[in-house]
Amino acid sequence: MKRKTLSFLVVALLTVTAGMAAQVNAASQEVQKQNWRSVQAQANASGPIPVALPTQAEIEMKGGAKRDGRVVEIDEKEQKVLIQGGQGKLSIPLGQIHKILFPESAKAYYINGGPVVRGDRTPTKGRPQTWRGIPINAFRLLDPNKGQAEVKLESVLSVDKLDSLRSVIVGDGKNKRQFVVDEMQFDVQKKTMTIAATPY
């Protein structure tokens, strides 16, 4: 009788132990999944935002003069903007620039290469955005000919705000949207820039 009771207790103990181990393992797997989701979210939030520079810009100088051309390079180290105009390339120090404006009449391109249709009769696909205090080296011009670029905003925007921007870009999943730059300004001392952009 004692042996049967002992055997029963051993079996019961093993069963309880196995059940507890299974629960611990399941809980551990769930924690790992949550941690992985968190890592994925952080990785997505830290990725750059694609933007389009229209192929024609108007550079307003601090002295009142104006220059026209296509922005082909923004050099953070040399503190200058390189524009392509009718008479070749022109280098302009950032400290001399009041702002760079991109008119609606200028062509802009989606990241996939297609043209962005803009103008008075073309509704925007979201609210205009202004991003301030962006490190100049966080902006990268990928294709100067079509103005395709990207900007990293994790240093100036919260994760929630970045997620909101990405939801604007994704749209309905079929027709992705593109932020088109309307205006740029530079703070040479802080080595930062401000970008105003509108999604289309």
N, C-alpha and C. Protein backbone atom coordinates (compact mmCIF):
# COMPACT_ATOMS: atom_id res chain seq x y z
N MET A 1 0.83 -1.21 0.00
CA MET A 1 0.00 0.00 0.00
C MET A 1 0.86 1.25 0.00
N LYS A 2 1.91 1.21 0.80
CA LYS A 2 2.80 2.36 0.88
C LYS A 2 3.50 2.59 -0.45
N ARG A 3 3.87 1.43 -1.10
CA ARG A 3 4.55 1.55 -2.39
C ARG A 3 3.64 2.18 -3.44
N LYS A 4 2.35 1.77 -3.45
CA LYS A 4 1.40 2.34 -4.40
C LYS A 4 1.22 3.83 -4.16
N THR A 5 1.12 4.19 -2.87
CA THR A 5 0.95 5.60 -2.51
C THR A 5 2.17 6.41 -2.94
N LEU A 6 3.37 5.83 -2.69
CA LEU A 6 4.60 6.51 -3.07
C LEU A 6 4.69 6.67 -4.58
N SER A 7 4.34 5.61 -5.31
CA SER A 7 4.38 5.67 -6.78
C SER A 7 3.42 6.73 -7.30
N PHE A 8 2.24 6.77 -6.69
CA PHE A 8 1.24 7.76 -7.09
C PHE A 8 1.75 9.19 -6.87
N LEU A 9 2.41 9.39 -5.72
CA LEU A 9 2.95 10.72 -5.41
C LEU A 9 4.05 11.11 -6.38
N VAL A 10 4.90 10.13 -6.72
CA VAL A 10 5.99 10.41 -7.66
C VAL A 10 5.44 10.80 -9.02
N VAL A 11 4.42 10.04 -9.50
CA VAL A 11 3.80 10.33 -10.79
C VAL A 11 3.14 11.70 -10.77
N ALA A 12 2.44 11.98 -9.66
CA ALA A 12 1.77 13.27 -9.54
C ALA A 12 2.79 14.41 -9.54
N LEU A 13 3.88 14.21 -8.82
CA LEU A 13 4.92 15.23 -8.75
C LEU A 13 5.55 15.48 -10.12
N LEU A 14 5.82 14.37 -10.83
CA LEU A 14 6.39 14.50 -12.18
C LEU A 14 5.43 15.22 -13.12
N THR A 15 4.14 14.91 -12.99
CA THR A 15 3.13 15.55 -13.84
C THR A 15 3.06 17.04 -13.58
N VAL A 16 3.03 17.41 -12.29
CA VAL A 16 2.99 18.83 -11.92
C VAL A 16 4.24 19.55 -12.40
N THR A 17 5.40 18.88 -12.21
CA THR A 17 6.67 19.49 -12.63
C THR A 17 6.69 19.71 -14.14
N ALA A 18 6.23 18.72 -14.89
CA ALA A 18 6.20 18.84 -16.36
C ALA A 18 5.26 19.96 -16.78
N GLY A 19 4.11 20.06 -16.08
CA GLY A 19 3.16 21.12 -16.41
C GLY A 19 3.75 22.50 -16.14
N MET A 20 4.43 22.62 -15.01
CA MET A 20 5.05 23.90 -14.67
C MET A 20 6.14 24.26 -15.68
N ALA A 21 6.92 23.25 -16.09
CA ALA A 21 7.98 23.50 -17.07
C ALA A 21 7.39 23.97 -18.39
N ALA A 22 6.26 23.36 -18.78
CA ALA A 22 5.62 23.76 -20.03
C ALA A 22 5.12 25.20 -19.96
N GLN A 23 4.55 25.56 -18.79
CA GLN A 23 4.07 26.93 -18.62
C GLN A 23 5.22 27.93 -18.65
N VAL A 24 6.33 27.56 -17.97
CA VAL A 24 7.49 28.44 -17.96
C VAL A 24 8.05 28.60 -19.37
N ASN A 25 8.10 27.49 -20.12
CA ASN A 25 8.62 27.54 -21.48
C ASN A 25 7.73 28.41 -22.38
N ALA A 26 6.40 28.24 -22.23
CA ALA A 26 5.46 29.05 -23.02
C ALA A 26 5.61 30.53 -22.69
N ALA A 27 5.74 30.82 -21.38
CA ALA A 27 5.90 32.21 -20.96
C ALA A 27 7.20 32.79 -21.49
N SER A 28 8.26 31.96 -21.47
CA SER A 28 9.55 32.42 -21.98
C SER A 28 9.47 32.73 -23.48
N GLN A 29 8.77 31.86 -24.24
CA GLN A 29 8.62 32.08 -25.67
C GLN A 29 7.84 33.35 -25.95
N GLU A 30 6.81 33.60 -25.14
CA GLU A 30 5.99 34.81 -25.33
C GLU A 30 6.82 36.06 -25.06
N VAL A 31 7.66 36.02 -24.02
CA VAL A 31 8.54 37.15 -23.71
C VAL A 31 9.51 37.38 -24.86
N GLN A 32 10.05 36.28 -25.41
CA GLN A 32 10.97 36.40 -26.54
C GLN A 32 10.28 37.03 -27.75
N LYS A 33 9.01 36.61 -28.00
CA LYS A 33 8.25 37.18 -29.11
C LYS A 33 8.03 38.67 -28.92
N GLN A 34 7.67 39.05 -27.68
CA GLN A 34 7.43 40.46 -27.39
C GLN A 34 8.71 41.27 -27.56
N ASN A 35 9.84 40.70 -27.08
CA ASN A 35 11.13 41.39 -27.24
C ASN A 35 11.48 41.54 -28.72
N TRP A 36 11.20 40.50 -29.52
CA TRP A 36 11.50 40.56 -30.95
C TRP A 36 10.63 41.61 -31.64
N ARG A 37 9.34 41.67 -31.24
CA ARG A 37 8.46 42.69 -31.81
C ARG A 37 8.98 44.08 -31.47
N SER A 38 9.46 44.23 -30.23
CA SER A 38 9.99 45.53 -29.80
C SER A 38 11.23 45.89 -30.61
N VAL A 39 12.11 44.91 -30.84
CA VAL A 39 13.31 45.15 -31.63
C VAL A 39 12.94 45.51 -33.06
N GLN A 40 11.95 44.79 -33.63
CA GLN A 40 11.51 45.09 -34.99
C GLN A 40 10.93 46.49 -35.09
N ALA A 41 10.13 46.88 -34.08
CA ALA A 41 9.53 48.21 -34.07
C ALA A 41 10.60 49.29 -34.01
N GLN A 42 11.61 49.06 -33.17
CA GLN A 42 12.70 50.03 -33.06
C GLN A 42 13.48 50.12 -34.37
N ALA A 43 13.69 48.96 -35.02
CA ALA A 43 14.42 48.96 -36.29
C ALA A 43 13.65 49.71 -37.35
N ASN A 44 12.32 49.47 -37.42
CA ASN A 44 11.50 50.17 -38.39
C ASN A 44 11.49 51.68 -38.14
N ALA A 45 11.43 52.04 -36.86
CA ALA A 45 11.36 53.46 -36.50
C ALA A 45 12.66 54.17 -36.82
N SER A 46 13.78 53.43 -36.83
CA SER A 46 15.07 54.07 -37.05
C SER A 46 15.44 54.15 -38.53
N GLY A 47 14.63 53.55 -39.39
CA GLY A 47 14.91 53.59 -40.82
C GLY A 47 14.61 54.97 -41.40
N PRO A 48 15.26 55.32 -42.51
CA PRO A 48 15.06 56.64 -43.12
C PRO A 48 13.69 56.78 -43.77
N ILE A 49 13.24 58.02 -43.89
CA ILE A 49 11.99 58.36 -44.56
C ILE A 49 12.33 58.80 -45.99
N PRO A 50 11.75 58.15 -47.01
CA PRO A 50 12.03 58.60 -48.38
C PRO A 50 11.35 59.93 -48.67
N VAL A 51 12.06 60.83 -49.32
CA VAL A 51 11.52 62.13 -49.71
C VAL A 51 11.96 62.43 -51.14
N ALA A 52 11.22 63.33 -51.79
CA ALA A 52 11.56 63.72 -53.15
C ALA A 52 11.87 65.20 -53.20
N LEU A 53 13.01 65.54 -53.80
CA LEU A 53 13.34 66.93 -54.07
C LEU A 53 12.88 67.25 -55.49
N PRO A 54 11.98 68.19 -55.69
CA PRO A 54 11.65 68.58 -57.07
C PRO A 54 12.90 68.98 -57.82
N THR A 55 12.89 68.76 -59.13
CA THR A 55 14.10 68.92 -59.94
C THR A 55 14.45 70.37 -60.25
N GLN A 56 13.64 71.30 -59.79
CA GLN A 56 13.95 72.70 -59.95
C GLN A 56 13.78 73.41 -58.61
N ALA A 57 14.75 74.22 -58.24
CA ALA A 57 14.72 74.92 -56.96
C ALA A 57 15.03 76.39 -57.14
N GLU A 58 14.51 77.17 -56.21
CA GLU A 58 14.84 78.60 -56.16
C GLU A 58 15.55 78.86 -54.84
N ILE A 59 16.80 79.28 -54.93
CA ILE A 59 17.61 79.52 -53.74
C ILE A 59 17.56 81.01 -53.41
N GLU A 60 16.99 81.32 -52.26
CA GLU A 60 16.95 82.71 -51.80
C GLU A 60 18.16 82.98 -50.91
N MET A 61 18.98 83.93 -51.32
CA MET A 61 20.19 84.26 -50.57
C MET A 61 19.86 85.27 -49.45
N LYS A 62 20.69 85.29 -48.43
CA LYS A 62 20.46 86.21 -47.31
C LYS A 62 20.59 87.68 -47.73
N GLY A 63 21.31 87.94 -48.79
CA GLY A 63 21.45 89.31 -49.27
C GLY A 63 20.32 89.74 -50.17
N GLY A 64 19.38 88.81 -50.48
CA GLY A 64 18.25 89.16 -51.33
C GLY A 64 18.33 88.61 -52.73
N ALA A 65 19.51 88.20 -53.18
CA ALA A 65 19.67 87.64 -54.52
C ALA A 65 19.02 86.25 -54.59
N LYS A 66 18.78 85.80 -55.83
CA LYS A 66 18.18 84.50 -56.04
C LYS A 66 18.96 83.71 -57.07
N ARG A 67 18.98 82.40 -56.89
CA ARG A 67 19.62 81.50 -57.83
C ARG A 67 18.62 80.38 -58.16
N ASP A 68 18.66 79.94 -59.42
CA ASP A 68 17.79 78.84 -59.84
C ASP A 68 18.63 77.65 -60.28
N GLY A 69 18.11 76.46 -60.05
CA GLY A 69 18.81 75.27 -60.51
C GLY A 69 18.30 74.03 -59.80
N ARG A 70 18.91 72.91 -60.11
CA ARG A 70 18.56 71.64 -59.48
C ARG A 70 19.58 71.33 -58.38
N VAL A 71 19.11 71.03 -57.19
CA VAL A 71 19.99 70.68 -56.08
C VAL A 71 20.57 69.29 -56.35
N VAL A 72 21.89 69.21 -56.47
CA VAL A 72 22.51 67.92 -56.77
C VAL A 72 23.38 67.40 -55.62
N GLU A 73 23.64 68.27 -54.64
CA GLU A 73 24.44 67.81 -53.49
C GLU A 73 24.29 68.79 -52.33
N ILE A 74 24.18 68.22 -51.13
CA ILE A 74 24.24 69.01 -49.90
C ILE A 74 25.40 68.45 -49.08
N ASP A 75 26.47 69.21 -49.00
CA ASP A 75 27.71 68.75 -48.39
C ASP A 75 27.81 69.28 -46.96
N GLU A 76 27.63 68.40 -46.00
CA GLU A 76 27.65 68.81 -44.59
C GLU A 76 29.07 69.16 -44.13
N LYS A 77 30.06 68.44 -44.62
CA LYS A 77 31.44 68.70 -44.21
C LYS A 77 31.95 70.03 -44.74
N GLU A 78 31.68 70.29 -46.02
CA GLU A 78 32.14 71.53 -46.65
C GLU A 78 31.16 72.68 -46.44
N GLN A 79 30.00 72.38 -45.85
CA GLN A 79 28.99 73.40 -45.57
C GLN A 79 28.57 74.15 -46.84
N LYS A 80 28.15 73.38 -47.84
CA LYS A 80 27.76 74.02 -49.10
C LYS A 80 26.68 73.20 -49.80
N VAL A 81 25.97 73.87 -50.71
CA VAL A 81 25.00 73.24 -51.59
C VAL A 81 25.50 73.38 -53.01
N LEU A 82 25.42 72.29 -53.77
CA LEU A 82 25.81 72.32 -55.17
C LEU A 82 24.56 72.26 -56.02
N ILE A 83 24.39 73.25 -56.91
CA ILE A 83 23.22 73.26 -57.78
C ILE A 83 23.66 73.20 -59.24
N GLN A 84 22.81 72.55 -60.04
CA GLN A 84 23.06 72.45 -61.47
C GLN A 84 22.15 73.43 -62.19
N GLY A 85 22.74 74.38 -62.86
CA GLY A 85 21.97 75.38 -63.60
C GLY A 85 22.27 75.34 -65.08
N GLY A 86 21.75 76.32 -65.79
CA GLY A 86 21.96 76.37 -67.23
C GLY A 86 23.41 76.59 -67.62
N GLN A 87 24.20 77.18 -66.74
CA GLN A 87 25.61 77.46 -67.03
C GLN A 87 26.56 76.55 -66.26
N GLY A 88 26.09 75.41 -65.90
CA GLY A 88 26.94 74.46 -65.18
C GLY A 88 26.62 74.41 -63.69
N LYS A 89 27.52 73.81 -62.92
CA LYS A 89 27.32 73.65 -61.49
C LYS A 89 27.82 74.87 -60.72
N LEU A 90 27.07 75.18 -59.67
CA LEU A 90 27.42 76.32 -58.82
C LEU A 90 27.42 75.88 -57.36
N SER A 91 28.50 76.22 -56.65
CA SER A 91 28.63 75.89 -55.23
C SER A 91 28.24 77.11 -54.40
N ILE A 92 27.31 76.92 -53.46
CA ILE A 92 26.84 78.01 -52.62
C ILE A 92 27.03 77.64 -51.15
N PRO A 93 27.76 78.44 -50.38
CA PRO A 93 27.92 78.16 -48.95
C PRO A 93 26.57 78.18 -48.23
N LEU A 94 26.37 77.24 -47.33
CA LEU A 94 25.10 77.17 -46.58
C LEU A 94 24.84 78.45 -45.80
N GLY A 95 25.91 79.06 -45.29
CA GLY A 95 25.76 80.26 -44.49
C GLY A 95 25.20 81.44 -45.26
N GLN A 96 25.25 81.39 -46.59
CA GLN A 96 24.74 82.49 -47.41
C GLN A 96 23.29 82.27 -47.85
N ILE A 97 22.75 81.08 -47.56
CA ILE A 97 21.40 80.73 -48.02
C ILE A 97 20.36 81.06 -46.96
N HIS A 98 19.34 81.81 -47.36
CA HIS A 98 18.21 82.06 -46.47
C HIS A 98 17.28 80.85 -46.46
N LYS A 99 16.89 80.39 -47.64
CA LYS A 99 16.09 79.19 -47.76
C LYS A 99 16.08 78.71 -49.21
N ILE A 100 15.71 77.44 -49.37
CA ILE A 100 15.56 76.86 -50.70
C ILE A 100 14.09 76.50 -50.89
N LEU A 101 13.48 77.02 -51.94
CA LEU A 101 12.07 76.76 -52.24
C LEU A 101 11.96 75.87 -53.47
N PHE A 102 11.00 74.95 -53.42
CA PHE A 102 10.75 74.04 -54.54
C PHE A 102 9.34 74.29 -55.06
N PRO A 103 9.18 74.95 -56.21
CA PRO A 103 7.86 75.30 -56.71
C PRO A 103 7.04 74.07 -57.13
N GLU A 104 5.72 74.22 -57.07
CA GLU A 104 4.84 73.11 -57.45
C GLU A 104 4.96 72.75 -58.93
N SER A 105 5.40 73.70 -59.73
CA SER A 105 5.52 73.45 -61.17
C SER A 105 6.71 72.55 -61.50
N ALA A 106 7.64 72.38 -60.54
CA ALA A 106 8.82 71.56 -60.79
C ALA A 106 8.48 70.07 -60.69
N LYS A 107 9.12 69.28 -61.53
CA LYS A 107 8.88 67.84 -61.51
C LYS A 107 9.47 67.20 -60.26
N ALA A 108 8.75 66.19 -59.76
CA ALA A 108 9.25 65.38 -58.64
C ALA A 108 8.93 63.93 -58.96
N TYR A 109 9.67 63.03 -58.33
CA TYR A 109 9.53 61.62 -58.67
C TYR A 109 9.37 60.76 -57.41
N TYR A 110 8.52 59.72 -57.56
CA TYR A 110 8.39 58.73 -56.49
C TYR A 110 9.68 57.93 -56.39
N ILE A 111 9.83 57.23 -55.27
CA ILE A 111 11.03 56.44 -55.05
C ILE A 111 11.16 55.33 -56.08
N ASN A 112 10.01 54.89 -56.68
CA ASN A 112 10.05 53.86 -57.71
C ASN A 112 10.33 54.43 -59.10
N GLY A 113 10.48 55.76 -59.20
CA GLY A 113 10.85 56.37 -60.47
C GLY A 113 9.73 57.08 -61.19
N GLY A 114 8.46 56.83 -60.80
CA GLY A 114 7.33 57.47 -61.46
C GLY A 114 7.18 58.92 -61.05
N PRO A 115 6.58 59.75 -61.92
CA PRO A 115 6.43 61.17 -61.60
C PRO A 115 5.35 61.43 -60.56
N VAL A 116 5.56 62.41 -59.70
CA VAL A 116 4.56 62.86 -58.72
C VAL A 116 3.78 64.00 -59.36
N VAL A 117 2.48 63.83 -59.44
CA VAL A 117 1.63 64.88 -60.00
C VAL A 117 1.26 65.84 -58.89
N ARG A 118 1.59 67.12 -59.09
CA ARG A 118 1.28 68.13 -58.09
C ARG A 118 0.62 69.32 -58.78
N GLY A 119 0.17 70.27 -57.97
CA GLY A 119 -0.45 71.46 -58.54
C GLY A 119 -1.74 71.80 -57.83
N ASP A 120 -2.38 72.88 -58.25
CA ASP A 120 -3.59 73.37 -57.59
C ASP A 120 -4.74 72.36 -57.64
N ARG A 121 -4.78 71.56 -58.71
CA ARG A 121 -5.90 70.62 -58.86
C ARG A 121 -5.59 69.23 -58.32
N THR A 122 -4.41 69.06 -57.77
CA THR A 122 -4.02 67.76 -57.22
C THR A 122 -4.08 67.80 -55.70
N PRO A 123 -5.02 67.07 -55.10
CA PRO A 123 -5.11 67.10 -53.64
C PRO A 123 -3.93 66.38 -52.99
N THR A 124 -3.50 66.89 -51.87
CA THR A 124 -2.44 66.22 -51.12
C THR A 124 -3.02 64.99 -50.42
N LYS A 125 -2.14 64.08 -49.99
CA LYS A 125 -2.57 62.84 -49.35
C LYS A 125 -2.34 62.88 -47.83
N GLY A 126 -2.20 64.08 -47.31
CA GLY A 126 -1.98 64.23 -45.88
C GLY A 126 -1.58 65.66 -45.57
N ARG A 127 -1.39 65.93 -44.31
CA ARG A 127 -1.03 67.28 -43.89
C ARG A 127 0.44 67.58 -44.16
N PRO A 128 0.74 68.82 -44.54
CA PRO A 128 2.15 69.22 -44.67
C PRO A 128 2.87 69.04 -43.34
N GLN A 129 4.13 68.67 -43.42
CA GLN A 129 4.95 68.43 -42.23
C GLN A 129 6.15 69.37 -42.23
N THR A 130 6.55 69.78 -41.04
CA THR A 130 7.79 70.56 -40.88
C THR A 130 8.65 69.86 -39.84
N TRP A 131 9.83 69.44 -40.27
CA TRP A 131 10.77 68.73 -39.40
C TRP A 131 11.96 69.64 -39.11
N ARG A 132 12.14 69.99 -37.85
CA ARG A 132 13.18 70.95 -37.45
C ARG A 132 14.32 70.25 -36.71
N GLY A 133 15.48 70.87 -36.77
CA GLY A 133 16.64 70.37 -36.02
C GLY A 133 17.23 69.08 -36.54
N ILE A 134 17.04 68.79 -37.82
CA ILE A 134 17.59 67.56 -38.40
C ILE A 134 19.10 67.74 -38.64
N PRO A 135 19.93 66.82 -38.17
CA PRO A 135 21.35 66.92 -38.51
C PRO A 135 21.52 66.89 -40.03
N ILE A 136 22.34 67.77 -40.56
CA ILE A 136 22.50 67.84 -42.01
C ILE A 136 22.98 66.51 -42.58
N ASN A 137 23.82 65.81 -41.81
CA ASN A 137 24.32 64.53 -42.32
C ASN A 137 23.28 63.40 -42.24
N ALA A 138 22.08 63.71 -41.71
CA ALA A 138 21.00 62.72 -41.70
C ALA A 138 20.21 62.73 -43.01
N PHE A 139 20.53 63.71 -43.86
CA PHE A 139 19.88 63.81 -45.17
C PHE A 139 20.81 63.26 -46.24
N ARG A 140 20.27 62.39 -47.10
CA ARG A 140 21.10 61.80 -48.15
C ARG A 140 20.38 61.85 -49.48
N LEU A 141 21.04 62.42 -50.48
CA LEU A 141 20.49 62.51 -51.83
C LEU A 141 20.93 61.27 -52.60
N LEU A 142 19.98 60.39 -52.92
CA LEU A 142 20.30 59.12 -53.56
C LEU A 142 20.47 59.24 -55.07
N ASP A 143 19.58 60.01 -55.69
CA ASP A 143 19.61 60.19 -57.15
C ASP A 143 19.41 61.67 -57.45
N PRO A 144 20.50 62.42 -57.67
CA PRO A 144 20.38 63.87 -57.91
C PRO A 144 19.56 64.21 -59.14
N ASN A 145 19.58 63.34 -60.16
CA ASN A 145 18.85 63.63 -61.39
C ASN A 145 17.34 63.63 -61.19
N LYS A 146 16.85 62.72 -60.35
CA LYS A 146 15.42 62.66 -60.08
C LYS A 146 15.05 63.18 -58.69
N GLY A 147 16.04 63.62 -57.94
CA GLY A 147 15.76 64.20 -56.63
C GLY A 147 15.32 63.21 -55.58
N GLN A 148 15.59 61.94 -55.79
CA GLN A 148 15.20 60.93 -54.81
C GLN A 148 16.18 60.95 -53.64
N ALA A 149 15.62 61.07 -52.44
CA ALA A 149 16.47 61.24 -51.25
C ALA A 149 15.84 60.53 -50.06
N GLU A 150 16.54 60.52 -48.96
CA GLU A 150 16.02 59.97 -47.71
C GLU A 150 16.56 60.77 -46.55
N VAL A 151 15.80 60.77 -45.47
CA VAL A 151 16.20 61.53 -44.30
C VAL A 151 15.90 60.71 -43.04
N LYS A 152 16.85 60.70 -42.12
CA LYS A 152 16.68 60.00 -40.85
C LYS A 152 16.15 60.98 -39.82
N LEU A 153 15.01 60.66 -39.23
CA LEU A 153 14.34 61.59 -38.32
C LEU A 153 14.25 61.09 -36.88
N GLU A 154 14.91 59.96 -36.59
CA GLU A 154 14.76 59.40 -35.24
C GLU A 154 15.33 60.29 -34.15
N SER A 155 16.24 61.21 -34.52
CA SER A 155 16.83 62.10 -33.51
C SER A 155 15.93 63.30 -33.20
N VAL A 156 14.92 63.54 -34.02
CA VAL A 156 14.07 64.72 -33.82
C VAL A 156 12.59 64.38 -33.63
N LEU A 157 12.21 63.13 -33.92
CA LEU A 157 10.81 62.73 -33.78
C LEU A 157 10.68 61.50 -32.90
N SER A 158 9.56 61.39 -32.21
CA SER A 158 9.29 60.23 -31.36
C SER A 158 8.97 59.01 -32.23
N VAL A 159 9.01 57.83 -31.62
CA VAL A 159 8.68 56.60 -32.33
C VAL A 159 7.24 56.65 -32.84
N ASP A 160 6.33 57.15 -32.01
CA ASP A 160 4.92 57.25 -32.42
C ASP A 160 4.76 58.16 -33.63
N LYS A 161 5.49 59.28 -33.64
CA LYS A 161 5.40 60.21 -34.76
C LYS A 161 5.97 59.58 -36.03
N LEU A 162 7.06 58.85 -35.89
CA LEU A 162 7.65 58.17 -37.04
C LEU A 162 6.70 57.12 -37.59
N ASP A 163 6.05 56.38 -36.68
CA ASP A 163 5.06 55.39 -37.11
C ASP A 163 3.92 56.06 -37.88
N SER A 164 3.52 57.23 -37.41
CA SER A 164 2.46 57.99 -38.08
C SER A 164 2.89 58.40 -39.49
N LEU A 165 4.14 58.84 -39.63
CA LEU A 165 4.65 59.21 -40.96
C LEU A 165 4.68 58.01 -41.88
N ARG A 166 5.09 56.86 -41.34
CA ARG A 166 5.17 55.66 -42.18
C ARG A 166 3.78 55.20 -42.61
N SER A 167 2.79 55.39 -41.75
CA SER A 167 1.42 55.03 -42.13
C SER A 167 0.92 55.91 -43.27
N VAL A 168 1.38 57.16 -43.30
CA VAL A 168 1.03 58.06 -44.40
C VAL A 168 1.66 57.56 -45.69
N ILE A 169 2.92 57.12 -45.62
CA ILE A 169 3.63 56.64 -46.81
C ILE A 169 2.99 55.37 -47.35
N VAL A 170 2.65 54.44 -46.45
CA VAL A 170 2.06 53.16 -46.87
C VAL A 170 0.69 53.37 -47.51
N GLY A 171 -0.08 54.32 -46.97
CA GLY A 171 -1.41 54.60 -47.52
C GLY A 171 -2.33 53.41 -47.40
N ASP A 172 -3.01 53.05 -48.50
CA ASP A 172 -3.93 51.91 -48.47
C ASP A 172 -3.24 50.60 -48.82
N GLY A 173 -1.91 50.64 -48.96
CA GLY A 173 -1.15 49.44 -49.27
C GLY A 173 -0.94 49.22 -50.75
N LYS A 174 -1.78 49.80 -51.57
CA LYS A 174 -1.67 49.64 -53.04
C LYS A 174 -0.99 50.86 -53.66
N ASN A 175 -1.45 52.02 -53.26
CA ASN A 175 -0.91 53.26 -53.81
C ASN A 175 -0.09 53.98 -52.73
N LYS A 176 1.21 53.76 -52.75
CA LYS A 176 2.06 54.38 -51.76
C LYS A 176 2.20 55.88 -52.02
N ARG A 177 2.46 56.61 -50.96
CA ARG A 177 2.57 58.05 -51.06
C ARG A 177 4.03 58.48 -50.92
N GLN A 178 4.28 59.70 -51.33
CA GLN A 178 5.64 60.22 -51.32
C GLN A 178 5.65 61.61 -50.70
N PHE A 179 6.52 61.83 -49.73
CA PHE A 179 6.71 63.17 -49.20
C PHE A 179 7.57 63.96 -50.19
N VAL A 180 7.05 65.10 -50.62
CA VAL A 180 7.77 65.98 -51.54
C VAL A 180 8.19 67.22 -50.78
N VAL A 181 9.46 67.57 -50.88
CA VAL A 181 10.01 68.70 -50.13
C VAL A 181 9.52 70.01 -50.73
N ASP A 182 9.01 70.89 -49.89
CA ASP A 182 8.55 72.22 -50.30
C ASP A 182 9.62 73.29 -50.03
N GLU A 183 10.35 73.10 -48.93
CA GLU A 183 11.28 74.15 -48.50
C GLU A 183 12.37 73.55 -47.62
N MET A 184 13.55 74.17 -47.67
CA MET A 184 14.68 73.80 -46.81
C MET A 184 15.32 75.05 -46.23
N GLN A 185 15.77 74.93 -44.98
CA GLN A 185 16.56 75.98 -44.36
C GLN A 185 17.69 75.33 -43.58
N PHE A 186 18.77 76.10 -43.35
CA PHE A 186 19.94 75.54 -42.70
C PHE A 186 20.39 76.40 -41.53
N ASP A 187 20.87 75.73 -40.47
CA ASP A 187 21.50 76.40 -39.34
C ASP A 187 22.96 75.93 -39.32
N VAL A 188 23.84 76.77 -39.85
CA VAL A 188 25.24 76.37 -40.01
C VAL A 188 25.92 76.12 -38.67
N GLN A 189 25.64 76.95 -37.68
CA GLN A 189 26.29 76.81 -36.38
C GLN A 189 25.93 75.49 -35.71
N LYS A 190 24.66 75.11 -35.79
CA LYS A 190 24.21 73.86 -35.16
C LYS A 190 24.36 72.66 -36.09
N LYS A 191 24.70 72.92 -37.36
CA LYS A 191 24.80 71.88 -38.37
C LYS A 191 23.50 71.09 -38.51
N THR A 192 22.41 71.84 -38.52
CA THR A 192 21.09 71.22 -38.65
C THR A 192 20.34 71.87 -39.80
N MET A 193 19.22 71.25 -40.16
CA MET A 193 18.39 71.76 -41.22
C MET A 193 16.91 71.59 -40.87
N THR A 194 16.08 72.38 -41.52
CA THR A 194 14.63 72.27 -41.38
C THR A 194 14.06 71.91 -42.75
N ILE A 195 13.17 70.94 -42.77
CA ILE A 195 12.55 70.49 -44.02
C ILE A 195 11.04 70.60 -43.88
N ALA A 196 10.41 71.28 -44.83
CA ALA A 196 8.95 71.29 -44.94
C ALA A 196 8.58 70.42 -46.11
N ALA A 197 7.66 69.47 -45.91
CA ALA A 197 7.31 68.53 -46.96
C ALA A 197 5.82 68.21 -46.92
N THR A 198 5.29 67.81 -48.08
CA THR A 198 3.87 67.47 -48.21
C THR A 198 3.74 66.10 -48.87
N PRO A 199 2.87 65.24 -48.34
CA PRO A 199 2.70 63.92 -48.97
C PRO A 199 1.75 63.98 -50.17
N TYR A 200 2.12 63.30 -51.27
CA TYR A 200 1.30 63.19 -52.46
C TYR A 200 1.16 61.72 -52.85
